[in-house]
Each structure stands twice: as C-alpha cells, then as structure tokens.
Amino acid sequence: MTIKEIQEEIIDEFSMFDDWMQRYEYLIDLGKSLPIIEAGNKLDENLITGCQSKVWLHSVFENDKVVFTADSDAILTKGIVALLLRVFTDQTPKEILAADTEFINEIGLKEHLSPTRANGLVSMIKQIKLYALVYQSKLA
C-alpha cells in the first residue's frame, strides 16, 4: 500500500468519529496496538528531541525499505507515533522523503494538540524523514 493510500485510509477512519473525544480514544487505542520496541532500542540516542513526552524512534533498513519501531511514555503520544509509523514504515526512503503530511491537517490532529504536543509531532516527522535521508544517501 502506498503512503498516499494509507493516509486516505486514515482520513476515512477519522471522519467516522463525531467529535475529538472519540478521536483521542481512537489514537489511544492505536498506541496500545503499537508493537513493543525492543528494550535495547530504548536508548537516549533514539529519543526524539522537541517532544514533551519521551518518544523513542528506531529504524532499520531491510529489503530497500525503512522499518520503524517506537514507544512513548505518554498514551496519547504513543497513539500519534503509532499513526505515523503506520504511514511511513515499510516504505522506501524515496517515498518517505517525497511524502507530504497533509493528512494530519485533514484529520484536524495538529489543531487539537497542545502547542508542545504539536511541536513533538513535527519533531517526530522530522526524525522519520532524517532516517529516510540517511538511508537514501547510502543508496546513492
């Protein structure tokens, strides 16, 4: 599935909820379904700076695709990172770098986050793209 197709699927899912309390609950549920990151990857070097909560993001490059694992100490943030991983994991570096993140605005996520959480969201996306850039440069 392409990044765009996944984003459209997420937009459809969020449109089924009547209000933001239901959407927050859905994000929390997504966080609960996030695969557990290996303890050995919960290192300071994998912490995303700029997040109010602790967010660990780890990546590996397998079969020309980037595979991410992540965790957070906050349930809502864990749901946000789960949403991002759903979009970006198992994609090529080129696809990740070319992808826009307009779906975040379309589901209204950014406007319903506190300023510090919104900054954390931007930091998560930057880190995902940075990993993709590193892998892309190794291919060149």
N, C-alpha and C. Protein backbone atom coordinates (compact mmCIF):
# COMPACT_ATOMS: atom_id res chain seq x y z
N MET A 1 0.85 -1.18 0.00
CA MET A 1 0.00 0.00 0.00
C MET A 1 0.89 1.25 0.00
N THR A 2 0.54 2.23 -0.79
CA THR A 2 1.35 3.44 -0.87
C THR A 2 1.08 4.34 0.35
N ILE A 3 1.98 5.29 0.56
CA ILE A 3 1.81 6.24 1.65
C ILE A 3 0.50 7.01 1.47
N LYS A 4 0.24 7.45 0.26
CA LYS A 4 -0.99 8.21 -0.01
C LYS A 4 -2.24 7.38 0.30
N GLU A 5 -2.22 6.11 -0.09
CA GLU A 5 -3.37 5.23 0.18
C GLU A 5 -3.58 5.05 1.69
N ILE A 6 -2.49 4.89 2.41
CA ILE A 6 -2.59 4.75 3.86
C ILE A 6 -3.15 6.03 4.48
N GLN A 7 -2.66 7.16 4.02
CA GLN A 7 -3.15 8.44 4.53
C GLN A 7 -4.64 8.62 4.25
N GLU A 8 -5.08 8.24 3.06
CA GLU A 8 -6.50 8.34 2.72
C GLU A 8 -7.34 7.42 3.61
N GLU A 9 -6.82 6.25 3.90
CA GLU A 9 -7.49 5.31 4.80
C GLU A 9 -7.64 5.92 6.20
N ILE A 10 -6.59 6.58 6.67
CA ILE A 10 -6.63 7.23 7.99
C ILE A 10 -7.65 8.37 8.00
N ILE A 11 -7.67 9.16 6.94
CA ILE A 11 -8.64 10.26 6.83
C ILE A 11 -10.07 9.70 6.90
N ASP A 12 -10.31 8.61 6.18
CA ASP A 12 -11.64 7.97 6.21
C ASP A 12 -11.98 7.49 7.62
N GLU A 13 -11.01 6.87 8.29
CA GLU A 13 -11.26 6.36 9.64
C GLU A 13 -11.61 7.50 10.60
N PHE A 14 -10.86 8.59 10.54
CA PHE A 14 -11.12 9.70 11.45
C PHE A 14 -12.43 10.41 11.14
N SER A 15 -12.88 10.35 9.88
CA SER A 15 -14.15 11.00 9.53
C SER A 15 -15.35 10.27 10.11
N MET A 16 -15.16 9.04 10.57
CA MET A 16 -16.26 8.27 11.15
C MET A 16 -16.62 8.74 12.57
N PHE A 17 -15.72 9.51 13.20
CA PHE A 17 -15.96 9.94 14.57
C PHE A 17 -16.63 11.31 14.59
N ASP A 18 -17.56 11.47 15.52
CA ASP A 18 -18.33 12.70 15.60
C ASP A 18 -17.59 13.84 16.28
N ASP A 19 -16.74 13.51 17.24
CA ASP A 19 -16.05 14.58 17.97
C ASP A 19 -14.62 14.17 18.31
N TRP A 20 -13.91 15.13 18.88
CA TRP A 20 -12.49 14.88 19.14
C TRP A 20 -12.26 13.96 20.34
N MET A 21 -13.19 13.85 21.23
CA MET A 21 -13.00 12.89 22.34
C MET A 21 -12.92 11.47 21.77
N GLN A 22 -13.78 11.17 20.80
CA GLN A 22 -13.75 9.84 20.17
C GLN A 22 -12.45 9.65 19.38
N ARG A 23 -11.98 10.70 18.76
CA ARG A 23 -10.72 10.60 18.01
C ARG A 23 -9.54 10.40 18.94
N TYR A 24 -9.55 11.08 20.08
CA TYR A 24 -8.48 10.87 21.07
C TYR A 24 -8.49 9.42 21.55
N GLU A 25 -9.68 8.90 21.82
CA GLU A 25 -9.79 7.50 22.26
C GLU A 25 -9.25 6.56 21.19
N TYR A 26 -9.53 6.87 19.93
CA TYR A 26 -9.03 6.05 18.82
C TYR A 26 -7.50 6.11 18.77
N LEU A 27 -6.94 7.30 18.95
CA LEU A 27 -5.48 7.44 18.97
C LEU A 27 -4.87 6.63 20.11
N ILE A 28 -5.50 6.67 21.27
CA ILE A 28 -5.01 5.90 22.41
C ILE A 28 -5.06 4.41 22.09
N ASP A 29 -6.13 3.96 21.45
CA ASP A 29 -6.22 2.55 21.04
C ASP A 29 -5.12 2.19 20.05
N LEU A 30 -4.83 3.10 19.12
CA LEU A 30 -3.73 2.85 18.17
C LEU A 30 -2.41 2.68 18.92
N GLY A 31 -2.22 3.50 19.93
CA GLY A 31 -1.00 3.41 20.73
C GLY A 31 -0.87 2.07 21.44
N LYS A 32 -2.01 1.55 21.89
CA LYS A 32 -1.99 0.25 22.57
C LYS A 32 -1.62 -0.88 21.62
N SER A 33 -1.89 -0.69 20.33
CA SER A 33 -1.59 -1.73 19.35
C SER A 33 -0.18 -1.59 18.75
N LEU A 34 0.55 -0.56 19.18
CA LEU A 34 1.91 -0.34 18.68
C LEU A 34 2.79 -1.51 19.11
N PRO A 35 3.47 -2.15 18.15
CA PRO A 35 4.36 -3.25 18.53
C PRO A 35 5.41 -2.77 19.54
N ILE A 36 5.71 -3.59 20.49
CA ILE A 36 6.65 -3.20 21.54
C ILE A 36 8.05 -3.08 20.96
N ILE A 37 8.68 -1.96 21.25
CA ILE A 37 10.05 -1.72 20.81
C ILE A 37 10.98 -2.56 21.70
N GLU A 38 12.02 -3.11 21.12
CA GLU A 38 12.97 -3.88 21.91
C GLU A 38 13.60 -2.98 22.96
N ALA A 39 13.77 -3.51 24.16
CA ALA A 39 14.33 -2.72 25.26
C ALA A 39 15.69 -2.15 24.89
N GLY A 40 16.46 -2.90 24.11
CA GLY A 40 17.78 -2.44 23.69
C GLY A 40 17.75 -1.23 22.77
N ASN A 41 16.57 -0.92 22.23
CA ASN A 41 16.43 0.25 21.36
C ASN A 41 15.86 1.46 22.08
N LYS A 42 15.56 1.30 23.36
CA LYS A 42 15.08 2.44 24.16
C LYS A 42 16.30 3.14 24.76
N LEU A 43 17.08 3.70 23.86
CA LEU A 43 18.31 4.38 24.22
C LEU A 43 18.14 5.89 24.10
N ASP A 44 18.96 6.62 24.83
CA ASP A 44 18.90 8.08 24.73
C ASP A 44 19.12 8.56 23.30
N GLU A 45 19.97 7.86 22.55
CA GLU A 45 20.24 8.27 21.17
C GLU A 45 19.02 8.10 20.26
N ASN A 46 18.04 7.32 20.69
CA ASN A 46 16.81 7.15 19.92
C ASN A 46 15.67 8.03 20.42
N LEU A 47 15.94 8.85 21.42
CA LEU A 47 14.91 9.78 21.91
C LEU A 47 14.76 10.93 20.93
N ILE A 48 13.54 11.33 20.68
CA ILE A 48 13.27 12.46 19.79
C ILE A 48 13.29 13.72 20.63
N THR A 49 14.13 14.65 20.22
CA THR A 49 14.18 15.92 20.94
C THR A 49 13.03 16.80 20.46
N GLY A 50 12.51 17.61 21.35
CA GLY A 50 11.42 18.50 20.99
C GLY A 50 10.06 17.97 21.40
N CYS A 51 10.04 16.78 22.00
CA CYS A 51 8.77 16.21 22.46
C CYS A 51 8.61 16.45 23.96
N GLN A 52 7.40 16.75 24.37
CA GLN A 52 7.09 16.94 25.78
C GLN A 52 7.26 15.61 26.51
N SER A 53 6.83 14.54 25.89
CA SER A 53 6.95 13.20 26.45
C SER A 53 8.22 12.56 25.91
N LYS A 54 8.58 11.43 26.49
CA LYS A 54 9.69 10.67 25.94
C LYS A 54 9.17 9.84 24.77
N VAL A 55 9.83 9.97 23.63
CA VAL A 55 9.47 9.20 22.45
C VAL A 55 10.77 8.61 21.89
N TRP A 56 10.78 7.29 21.80
CA TRP A 56 11.92 6.60 21.21
C TRP A 56 11.52 6.17 19.81
N LEU A 57 12.40 6.42 18.85
CA LEU A 57 12.17 6.01 17.47
C LEU A 57 13.41 5.30 16.97
N HIS A 58 13.23 4.08 16.51
CA HIS A 58 14.33 3.27 15.99
C HIS A 58 13.98 2.84 14.59
N SER A 59 15.00 2.72 13.74
CA SER A 59 14.74 2.28 12.37
C SER A 59 15.80 1.29 11.93
N VAL A 60 15.39 0.44 11.01
CA VAL A 60 16.32 -0.46 10.33
C VAL A 60 15.97 -0.39 8.84
N PHE A 61 16.95 -0.74 8.02
CA PHE A 61 16.76 -0.72 6.58
C PHE A 61 16.81 -2.15 6.10
N GLU A 62 15.65 -2.66 5.65
CA GLU A 62 15.54 -4.05 5.21
C GLU A 62 14.86 -4.10 3.85
N ASN A 63 15.46 -4.83 2.91
CA ASN A 63 14.87 -5.01 1.57
C ASN A 63 14.50 -3.68 0.92
N ASP A 64 15.39 -2.71 1.03
CA ASP A 64 15.21 -1.38 0.44
C ASP A 64 14.06 -0.58 1.05
N LYS A 65 13.60 -1.00 2.23
CA LYS A 65 12.51 -0.27 2.91
C LYS A 65 12.93 0.04 4.35
N VAL A 66 12.37 1.13 4.86
CA VAL A 66 12.65 1.55 6.23
C VAL A 66 11.58 0.96 7.14
N VAL A 67 12.03 0.31 8.20
CA VAL A 67 11.12 -0.28 9.17
C VAL A 67 11.35 0.43 10.50
N PHE A 68 10.31 1.04 11.01
CA PHE A 68 10.39 1.80 12.26
C PHE A 68 9.75 1.04 13.40
N THR A 69 10.32 1.21 14.59
CA THR A 69 9.66 0.82 15.83
C THR A 69 9.76 2.03 16.75
N ALA A 70 8.82 2.13 17.66
CA ALA A 70 8.78 3.31 18.52
C ALA A 70 8.04 3.00 19.81
N ASP A 71 8.19 3.90 20.76
CA ASP A 71 7.46 3.82 22.01
C ASP A 71 7.42 5.22 22.62
N SER A 72 6.51 5.41 23.54
CA SER A 72 6.42 6.67 24.28
C SER A 72 5.94 6.37 25.69
N ASP A 73 6.26 7.28 26.60
CA ASP A 73 5.80 7.13 27.97
C ASP A 73 4.44 7.79 28.20
N ALA A 74 3.86 8.36 27.15
CA ALA A 74 2.55 9.01 27.26
C ALA A 74 1.57 8.33 26.29
N ILE A 75 0.38 8.02 26.76
CA ILE A 75 -0.54 7.22 25.94
C ILE A 75 -0.99 7.93 24.67
N LEU A 76 -1.26 9.22 24.74
CA LEU A 76 -1.70 9.94 23.54
C LEU A 76 -0.55 10.05 22.54
N THR A 77 0.63 10.35 23.04
CA THR A 77 1.80 10.46 22.17
C THR A 77 2.11 9.12 21.52
N LYS A 78 1.92 8.06 22.27
CA LYS A 78 2.13 6.71 21.72
C LYS A 78 1.17 6.47 20.54
N GLY A 79 -0.05 6.96 20.65
CA GLY A 79 -1.01 6.84 19.57
C GLY A 79 -0.61 7.66 18.35
N ILE A 80 -0.07 8.85 18.59
CA ILE A 80 0.38 9.70 17.49
C ILE A 80 1.53 9.04 16.74
N VAL A 81 2.49 8.51 17.49
CA VAL A 81 3.63 7.85 16.83
C VAL A 81 3.18 6.58 16.13
N ALA A 82 2.19 5.88 16.68
CA ALA A 82 1.65 4.69 16.01
C ALA A 82 1.03 5.07 14.66
N LEU A 83 0.34 6.20 14.63
CA LEU A 83 -0.26 6.70 13.40
C LEU A 83 0.83 6.99 12.35
N LEU A 84 1.89 7.66 12.77
CA LEU A 84 2.98 7.98 11.86
C LEU A 84 3.69 6.73 11.36
N LEU A 85 3.90 5.77 12.23
CA LEU A 85 4.56 4.53 11.82
C LEU A 85 3.70 3.76 10.83
N ARG A 86 2.40 3.80 11.02
CA ARG A 86 1.50 3.14 10.08
C ARG A 86 1.69 3.71 8.68
N VAL A 87 1.92 5.01 8.58
CA VAL A 87 2.09 5.67 7.29
C VAL A 87 3.48 5.39 6.70
N PHE A 88 4.51 5.47 7.53
CA PHE A 88 5.87 5.52 7.00
C PHE A 88 6.67 4.22 7.08
N THR A 89 6.28 3.27 7.90
CA THR A 89 7.08 2.05 7.99
C THR A 89 6.84 1.18 6.76
N ASP A 90 7.84 0.42 6.40
CA ASP A 90 7.79 -0.45 5.21
C ASP A 90 7.67 0.33 3.90
N GLN A 91 8.20 1.54 3.88
CA GLN A 91 8.24 2.35 2.67
C GLN A 91 9.70 2.60 2.31
N THR A 92 9.96 2.95 1.06
CA THR A 92 11.33 3.24 0.65
C THR A 92 11.71 4.63 1.14
N PRO A 93 13.02 4.88 1.30
CA PRO A 93 13.43 6.23 1.69
C PRO A 93 12.91 7.31 0.73
N LYS A 94 12.95 7.01 -0.56
CA LYS A 94 12.49 7.98 -1.56
C LYS A 94 11.01 8.32 -1.35
N GLU A 95 10.19 7.30 -1.09
CA GLU A 95 8.76 7.53 -0.86
C GLU A 95 8.52 8.34 0.41
N ILE A 96 9.29 8.04 1.46
CA ILE A 96 9.15 8.77 2.72
C ILE A 96 9.52 10.24 2.52
N LEU A 97 10.63 10.47 1.83
CA LEU A 97 11.09 11.85 1.63
C LEU A 97 10.13 12.65 0.75
N ALA A 98 9.48 11.98 -0.21
CA ALA A 98 8.57 12.67 -1.13
C ALA A 98 7.17 12.88 -0.53
N ALA A 99 6.87 12.17 0.53
CA ALA A 99 5.51 12.21 1.09
C ALA A 99 5.22 13.53 1.78
N ASP A 100 4.00 14.00 1.60
CA ASP A 100 3.56 15.14 2.39
C ASP A 100 2.83 14.61 3.62
N THR A 101 2.59 15.48 4.54
CA THR A 101 1.89 15.07 5.77
C THR A 101 0.59 15.87 5.93
N GLU A 102 0.01 16.22 4.81
CA GLU A 102 -1.23 16.99 4.80
C GLU A 102 -2.37 16.25 5.50
N PHE A 103 -2.30 14.91 5.52
CA PHE A 103 -3.36 14.14 6.17
C PHE A 103 -3.53 14.54 7.64
N ILE A 104 -2.45 14.99 8.27
CA ILE A 104 -2.51 15.41 9.68
C ILE A 104 -3.44 16.61 9.82
N ASN A 105 -3.34 17.54 8.88
CA ASN A 105 -4.24 18.70 8.90
C ASN A 105 -5.66 18.29 8.52
N GLU A 106 -5.77 17.36 7.57
CA GLU A 106 -7.10 16.94 7.11
C GLU A 106 -7.90 16.23 8.20
N ILE A 107 -7.22 15.51 9.09
CA ILE A 107 -7.96 14.87 10.19
C ILE A 107 -8.10 15.82 11.38
N GLY A 108 -7.45 17.00 11.30
CA GLY A 108 -7.58 18.00 12.36
C GLY A 108 -6.69 17.75 13.57
N LEU A 109 -5.72 16.86 13.41
CA LEU A 109 -4.90 16.48 14.57
C LEU A 109 -4.09 17.65 15.12
N LYS A 110 -3.38 18.34 14.26
CA LYS A 110 -2.48 19.38 14.73
C LYS A 110 -3.21 20.47 15.50
N GLU A 111 -4.40 20.84 15.02
CA GLU A 111 -5.15 21.91 15.69
C GLU A 111 -5.76 21.47 17.02
N HIS A 112 -5.82 20.17 17.26
CA HIS A 112 -6.39 19.67 18.52
C HIS A 112 -5.32 19.19 19.50
N LEU A 113 -4.08 19.53 19.22
CA LEU A 113 -2.99 19.20 20.14
C LEU A 113 -2.52 20.46 20.85
N SER A 114 -1.99 20.29 22.04
CA SER A 114 -1.38 21.42 22.73
C SER A 114 -0.17 21.86 21.91
N PRO A 115 0.28 23.11 22.07
CA PRO A 115 1.44 23.56 21.31
C PRO A 115 2.68 22.67 21.50
N THR A 116 2.89 22.18 22.70
CA THR A 116 4.07 21.33 22.92
C THR A 116 3.91 19.97 22.24
N ARG A 117 2.70 19.42 22.23
CA ARG A 117 2.47 18.15 21.52
C ARG A 117 2.57 18.35 20.00
N ALA A 118 2.07 19.50 19.52
CA ALA A 118 2.18 19.80 18.09
C ALA A 118 3.65 19.90 17.68
N ASN A 119 4.46 20.53 18.52
CA ASN A 119 5.91 20.60 18.26
C ASN A 119 6.52 19.21 18.26
N GLY A 120 6.08 18.37 19.18
CA GLY A 120 6.56 16.99 19.23
C GLY A 120 6.21 16.22 17.98
N LEU A 121 5.01 16.45 17.46
CA LEU A 121 4.58 15.81 16.22
C LEU A 121 5.50 16.20 15.07
N VAL A 122 5.80 17.48 14.97
CA VAL A 122 6.71 17.97 13.93
C VAL A 122 8.09 17.33 14.11
N SER A 123 8.55 17.22 15.34
CA SER A 123 9.85 16.60 15.61
C SER A 123 9.87 15.13 15.22
N MET A 124 8.77 14.42 15.45
CA MET A 124 8.68 13.01 15.05
C MET A 124 8.79 12.87 13.54
N ILE A 125 8.06 13.71 12.82
CA ILE A 125 8.10 13.67 11.35
C ILE A 125 9.50 14.00 10.84
N LYS A 126 10.12 15.01 11.44
CA LYS A 126 11.48 15.38 11.03
C LYS A 126 12.44 14.20 11.22
N GLN A 127 12.31 13.51 12.34
CA GLN A 127 13.21 12.39 12.62
C GLN A 127 12.97 11.24 11.64
N ILE A 128 11.72 10.96 11.34
CA ILE A 128 11.39 9.92 10.36
C ILE A 128 12.03 10.26 9.01
N LYS A 129 11.89 11.51 8.59
CA LYS A 129 12.45 11.94 7.30
C LYS A 129 13.98 11.93 7.35
N LEU A 130 14.55 12.24 8.51
CA LEU A 130 16.00 12.22 8.64
C LEU A 130 16.55 10.80 8.48
N TYR A 131 15.89 9.84 9.10
CA TYR A 131 16.29 8.44 8.92
C TYR A 131 16.22 8.07 7.43
N ALA A 132 15.14 8.47 6.77
CA ALA A 132 14.98 8.15 5.35
C ALA A 132 16.09 8.80 4.52
N LEU A 133 16.45 10.02 4.88
CA LEU A 133 17.52 10.72 4.17
C LEU A 133 18.86 9.98 4.31
N VAL A 134 19.13 9.51 5.49
CA VAL A 134 20.38 8.77 5.74
C VAL A 134 20.39 7.49 4.90
N TYR A 135 19.30 6.75 4.90
CA TYR A 135 19.24 5.52 4.10
C TYR A 135 19.32 5.81 2.60
N GLN A 136 18.66 6.89 2.18
CA GLN A 136 18.70 7.28 0.77
C GLN A 136 20.13 7.61 0.34
N SER A 137 20.86 8.31 1.21
CA SER A 137 22.24 8.67 0.85
C SER A 137 23.14 7.45 0.74
N LYS A 138 22.83 6.39 1.48
CA LYS A 138 23.62 5.15 1.39
C LYS A 138 23.35 4.43 0.09
N LEU A 139 22.19 4.66 -0.50
CA LEU A 139 21.84 4.02 -1.78
C LEU A 139 22.53 4.69 -2.95
N ALA A 140 22.82 5.98 -2.78
CA ALA A 140 23.39 6.77 -3.89
C ALA A 140 24.81 6.37 -4.21
